[in-house]
Amino acid sequence: MSVRIAVTGAGGRMGRMLVEAIVHAEGAELSAALEHPESSLLGADAGELAGLGKNGVIIASDIQAVINDFDVLIDFTAPA
């Protein structure tokens, strides 16, 4: 059984690195990727943004829309 992981800030430099690390980690599954509502990356495939090819995880902005899709949330947005 894999741990389903969501990443906020998935479109940023470090967020993309997290996406890649999750995809390659045994026992982990990237199940959601989030960005702020004004992001130009909304609707993009998180795997493609990370340079891994399409993985079917689409960048969204509404955490409520994916709240049941993950077990762990990694928040890699602004420090504040």
N, C-alpha and C. Protein backbone atom coordinates (compact mmCIF):
# COMPACT_ATOMS: atom_id res chain seq x y z
N MET A 1 0.84 -1.19 0.00
CA MET A 1 0.00 0.00 0.00
C MET A 1 0.88 1.25 0.00
N SER A 2 0.62 2.15 -0.90
CA SER A 2 1.38 3.39 -1.02
C SER A 2 0.77 4.50 -0.19
N VAL A 3 1.61 5.39 0.29
CA VAL A 3 1.15 6.60 0.95
C VAL A 3 0.85 7.61 -0.14
N ARG A 4 -0.36 8.13 -0.15
CA ARG A 4 -0.77 9.11 -1.16
C ARG A 4 -0.36 10.50 -0.68
N ILE A 5 0.43 11.19 -1.50
CA ILE A 5 1.01 12.47 -1.11
C ILE A 5 0.55 13.58 -2.05
N ALA A 6 0.20 14.72 -1.45
CA ALA A 6 -0.13 15.94 -2.19
C ALA A 6 0.97 16.96 -1.92
N VAL A 7 1.25 17.80 -2.91
CA VAL A 7 2.27 18.85 -2.78
C VAL A 7 1.64 20.18 -3.13
N THR A 8 1.70 21.13 -2.18
CA THR A 8 1.31 22.50 -2.50
C THR A 8 2.58 23.24 -2.91
N GLY A 9 2.44 24.10 -3.91
CA GLY A 9 3.62 24.76 -4.47
C GLY A 9 4.32 23.84 -5.47
N ALA A 10 3.56 22.92 -6.05
CA ALA A 10 4.12 21.89 -6.93
C ALA A 10 4.73 22.44 -8.21
N GLY A 11 4.37 23.64 -8.61
CA GLY A 11 4.90 24.19 -9.85
C GLY A 11 6.21 24.93 -9.70
N GLY A 12 6.62 25.20 -8.47
CA GLY A 12 7.88 25.91 -8.25
C GLY A 12 9.08 24.99 -8.39
N ARG A 13 10.26 25.58 -8.32
CA ARG A 13 11.49 24.80 -8.50
C ARG A 13 11.59 23.67 -7.49
N MET A 14 11.41 23.97 -6.22
CA MET A 14 11.49 22.94 -5.19
C MET A 14 10.28 22.01 -5.22
N GLY A 15 9.12 22.55 -5.56
CA GLY A 15 7.93 21.71 -5.68
C GLY A 15 8.10 20.65 -6.76
N ARG A 16 8.71 21.03 -7.86
CA ARG A 16 8.97 20.07 -8.94
C ARG A 16 9.96 18.99 -8.49
N MET A 17 10.93 19.40 -7.67
CA MET A 17 11.88 18.42 -7.14
C MET A 17 11.18 17.45 -6.19
N LEU A 18 10.24 17.96 -5.41
CA LEU A 18 9.46 17.09 -4.53
C LEU A 18 8.63 16.10 -5.34
N VAL A 19 8.00 16.59 -6.40
CA VAL A 19 7.21 15.72 -7.27
C VAL A 19 8.09 14.58 -7.79
N GLU A 20 9.27 14.92 -8.27
CA GLU A 20 10.18 13.91 -8.79
C GLU A 20 10.58 12.91 -7.69
N ALA A 21 10.89 13.41 -6.51
CA ALA A 21 11.29 12.53 -5.42
C ALA A 21 10.17 11.58 -5.02
N ILE A 22 8.95 12.08 -4.99
CA ILE A 22 7.81 11.24 -4.63
C ILE A 22 7.58 10.16 -5.68
N VAL A 23 7.66 10.55 -6.94
CA VAL A 23 7.44 9.58 -8.02
C VAL A 23 8.47 8.45 -7.95
N HIS A 24 9.68 8.75 -7.55
CA HIS A 24 10.74 7.74 -7.50
C HIS A 24 10.82 7.01 -6.16
N ALA A 25 10.08 7.45 -5.16
CA ALA A 25 10.15 6.84 -3.83
C ALA A 25 9.27 5.60 -3.74
N GLU A 26 9.85 4.53 -3.26
CA GLU A 26 9.09 3.30 -3.06
C GLU A 26 8.08 3.52 -1.93
N GLY A 27 6.86 3.08 -2.15
CA GLY A 27 5.83 3.20 -1.13
C GLY A 27 5.14 4.55 -1.09
N ALA A 28 5.45 5.41 -2.07
CA ALA A 28 4.85 6.74 -2.14
C ALA A 28 4.17 6.92 -3.48
N GLU A 29 3.11 7.70 -3.48
CA GLU A 29 2.37 7.98 -4.72
C GLU A 29 1.98 9.45 -4.73
N LEU A 30 2.33 10.18 -5.78
CA LEU A 30 1.87 11.55 -5.93
C LEU A 30 0.40 11.49 -6.34
N SER A 31 -0.46 12.01 -5.49
CA SER A 31 -1.89 11.90 -5.77
C SER A 31 -2.57 13.24 -5.99
N ALA A 32 -1.89 14.34 -5.65
CA ALA A 32 -2.45 15.67 -5.87
C ALA A 32 -1.32 16.69 -5.92
N ALA A 33 -1.51 17.72 -6.72
CA ALA A 33 -0.54 18.81 -6.85
C ALA A 33 -1.31 20.12 -6.88
N LEU A 34 -0.87 21.06 -6.09
CA LEU A 34 -1.61 22.32 -5.94
C LEU A 34 -0.72 23.53 -6.18
N GLU A 35 -1.35 24.58 -6.67
CA GLU A 35 -0.72 25.88 -6.86
C GLU A 35 -1.74 26.95 -6.49
N HIS A 36 -1.31 28.19 -6.38
CA HIS A 36 -2.22 29.28 -6.03
C HIS A 36 -3.21 29.54 -7.17
N PRO A 37 -4.37 30.09 -6.86
CA PRO A 37 -5.43 30.26 -7.87
C PRO A 37 -5.07 31.10 -9.09
N GLU A 38 -4.07 31.98 -8.97
CA GLU A 38 -3.67 32.83 -10.09
C GLU A 38 -2.56 32.22 -10.94
N SER A 39 -2.11 31.03 -10.60
CA SER A 39 -0.99 30.42 -11.29
C SER A 39 -1.32 30.08 -12.74
N SER A 40 -0.36 30.33 -13.62
CA SER A 40 -0.52 29.97 -15.02
C SER A 40 -0.35 28.46 -15.23
N LEU A 41 0.05 27.75 -14.19
CA LEU A 41 0.30 26.31 -14.29
C LEU A 41 -0.93 25.45 -14.00
N LEU A 42 -2.02 26.07 -13.59
CA LEU A 42 -3.24 25.31 -13.31
C LEU A 42 -3.65 24.53 -14.55
N GLY A 43 -3.97 23.26 -14.36
CA GLY A 43 -4.38 22.41 -15.47
C GLY A 43 -3.22 21.67 -16.12
N ALA A 44 -1.98 22.03 -15.76
CA ALA A 44 -0.81 21.33 -16.30
C ALA A 44 -0.62 20.00 -15.58
N ASP A 45 0.06 19.09 -16.22
CA ASP A 45 0.37 17.79 -15.63
C ASP A 45 1.63 17.93 -14.77
N ALA A 46 1.54 17.53 -13.50
CA ALA A 46 2.65 17.68 -12.57
C ALA A 46 3.88 16.88 -13.00
N GLY A 47 3.67 15.72 -13.57
CA GLY A 47 4.79 14.91 -14.04
C GLY A 47 5.55 15.59 -15.17
N GLU A 48 4.80 16.18 -16.09
CA GLU A 48 5.45 16.91 -17.19
C GLU A 48 6.25 18.09 -16.67
N LEU A 49 5.68 18.84 -15.72
CA LEU A 49 6.39 20.00 -15.17
C LEU A 49 7.70 19.58 -14.50
N ALA A 50 7.70 18.39 -13.92
CA ALA A 50 8.90 17.90 -13.24
C ALA A 50 9.87 17.21 -14.20
N GLY A 51 9.52 17.17 -15.48
CA GLY A 51 10.39 16.55 -16.47
C GLY A 51 10.31 15.03 -16.52
N LEU A 52 9.21 14.48 -16.01
CA LEU A 52 9.06 13.02 -15.92
C LEU A 52 8.10 12.45 -16.95
N GLY A 53 7.45 13.30 -17.71
CA GLY A 53 6.39 12.85 -18.61
C GLY A 53 5.06 12.85 -17.88
N LYS A 54 4.00 12.73 -18.64
CA LYS A 54 2.66 12.79 -18.05
C LYS A 54 2.45 11.69 -17.02
N ASN A 55 1.85 12.08 -15.89
CA ASN A 55 1.50 11.10 -14.86
C ASN A 55 0.04 11.18 -14.45
N GLY A 56 -0.70 12.10 -15.08
CA GLY A 56 -2.13 12.20 -14.81
C GLY A 56 -2.50 13.00 -13.58
N VAL A 57 -1.52 13.55 -12.87
CA VAL A 57 -1.81 14.40 -11.71
C VAL A 57 -1.82 15.84 -12.20
N ILE A 58 -3.00 16.42 -12.23
CA ILE A 58 -3.20 17.75 -12.79
C ILE A 58 -3.09 18.80 -11.69
N ILE A 59 -2.35 19.88 -11.95
CA ILE A 59 -2.19 20.97 -10.99
C ILE A 59 -3.54 21.65 -10.79
N ALA A 60 -3.96 21.71 -9.53
CA ALA A 60 -5.24 22.33 -9.16
C ALA A 60 -4.97 23.44 -8.15
N SER A 61 -5.99 24.22 -7.84
CA SER A 61 -5.83 25.28 -6.85
C SER A 61 -6.74 25.08 -5.64
N ASP A 62 -7.75 24.25 -5.74
CA ASP A 62 -8.73 24.08 -4.67
C ASP A 62 -8.44 22.81 -3.87
N ILE A 63 -7.91 22.99 -2.68
CA ILE A 63 -7.58 21.82 -1.85
C ILE A 63 -8.83 21.02 -1.51
N GLN A 64 -9.96 21.69 -1.39
CA GLN A 64 -11.20 20.97 -1.08
C GLN A 64 -11.58 19.98 -2.18
N ALA A 65 -11.19 20.27 -3.41
CA ALA A 65 -11.51 19.38 -4.53
C ALA A 65 -10.71 18.08 -4.48
N VAL A 66 -9.57 18.09 -3.78
CA VAL A 66 -8.70 16.90 -3.72
C VAL A 66 -8.51 16.39 -2.29
N ILE A 67 -9.26 16.92 -1.34
CA ILE A 67 -9.05 16.63 0.08
C ILE A 67 -9.10 15.13 0.39
N ASN A 68 -9.86 14.36 -0.35
CA ASN A 68 -9.97 12.92 -0.12
C ASN A 68 -8.97 12.10 -0.93
N ASP A 69 -8.10 12.79 -1.67
CA ASP A 69 -7.16 12.11 -2.58
C ASP A 69 -5.77 11.90 -1.98
N PHE A 70 -5.52 12.37 -0.76
CA PHE A 70 -4.18 12.23 -0.19
C PHE A 70 -4.23 11.90 1.29
N ASP A 71 -3.12 11.29 1.74
CA ASP A 71 -2.94 10.97 3.15
C ASP A 71 -2.01 11.97 3.84
N VAL A 72 -1.06 12.52 3.06
CA VAL A 72 -0.05 13.44 3.56
C VAL A 72 0.01 14.66 2.64
N LEU A 73 0.11 15.84 3.23
CA LEU A 73 0.25 17.07 2.46
C LEU A 73 1.60 17.70 2.77
N ILE A 74 2.39 17.94 1.73
CA ILE A 74 3.65 18.67 1.89
C ILE A 74 3.41 20.09 1.38
N ASP A 75 3.54 21.05 2.27
CA ASP A 75 3.31 22.45 1.93
C ASP A 75 4.66 23.09 1.62
N PHE A 76 4.91 23.33 0.34
CA PHE A 76 6.16 23.95 -0.06
C PHE A 76 5.86 25.27 -0.76
N THR A 77 5.09 26.09 -0.06
CA THR A 77 4.76 27.42 -0.57
C THR A 77 5.64 28.43 0.16
N ALA A 78 5.20 29.67 0.23
CA ALA A 78 5.97 30.72 0.89
C ALA A 78 6.14 30.42 2.37
N PRO A 79 7.28 30.77 2.95
CA PRO A 79 7.54 30.50 4.36
C PRO A 79 6.48 31.05 5.32
N ALA A 80 5.86 32.16 4.94
CA ALA A 80 4.83 32.75 5.82
C ALA A 80 3.65 31.82 5.90
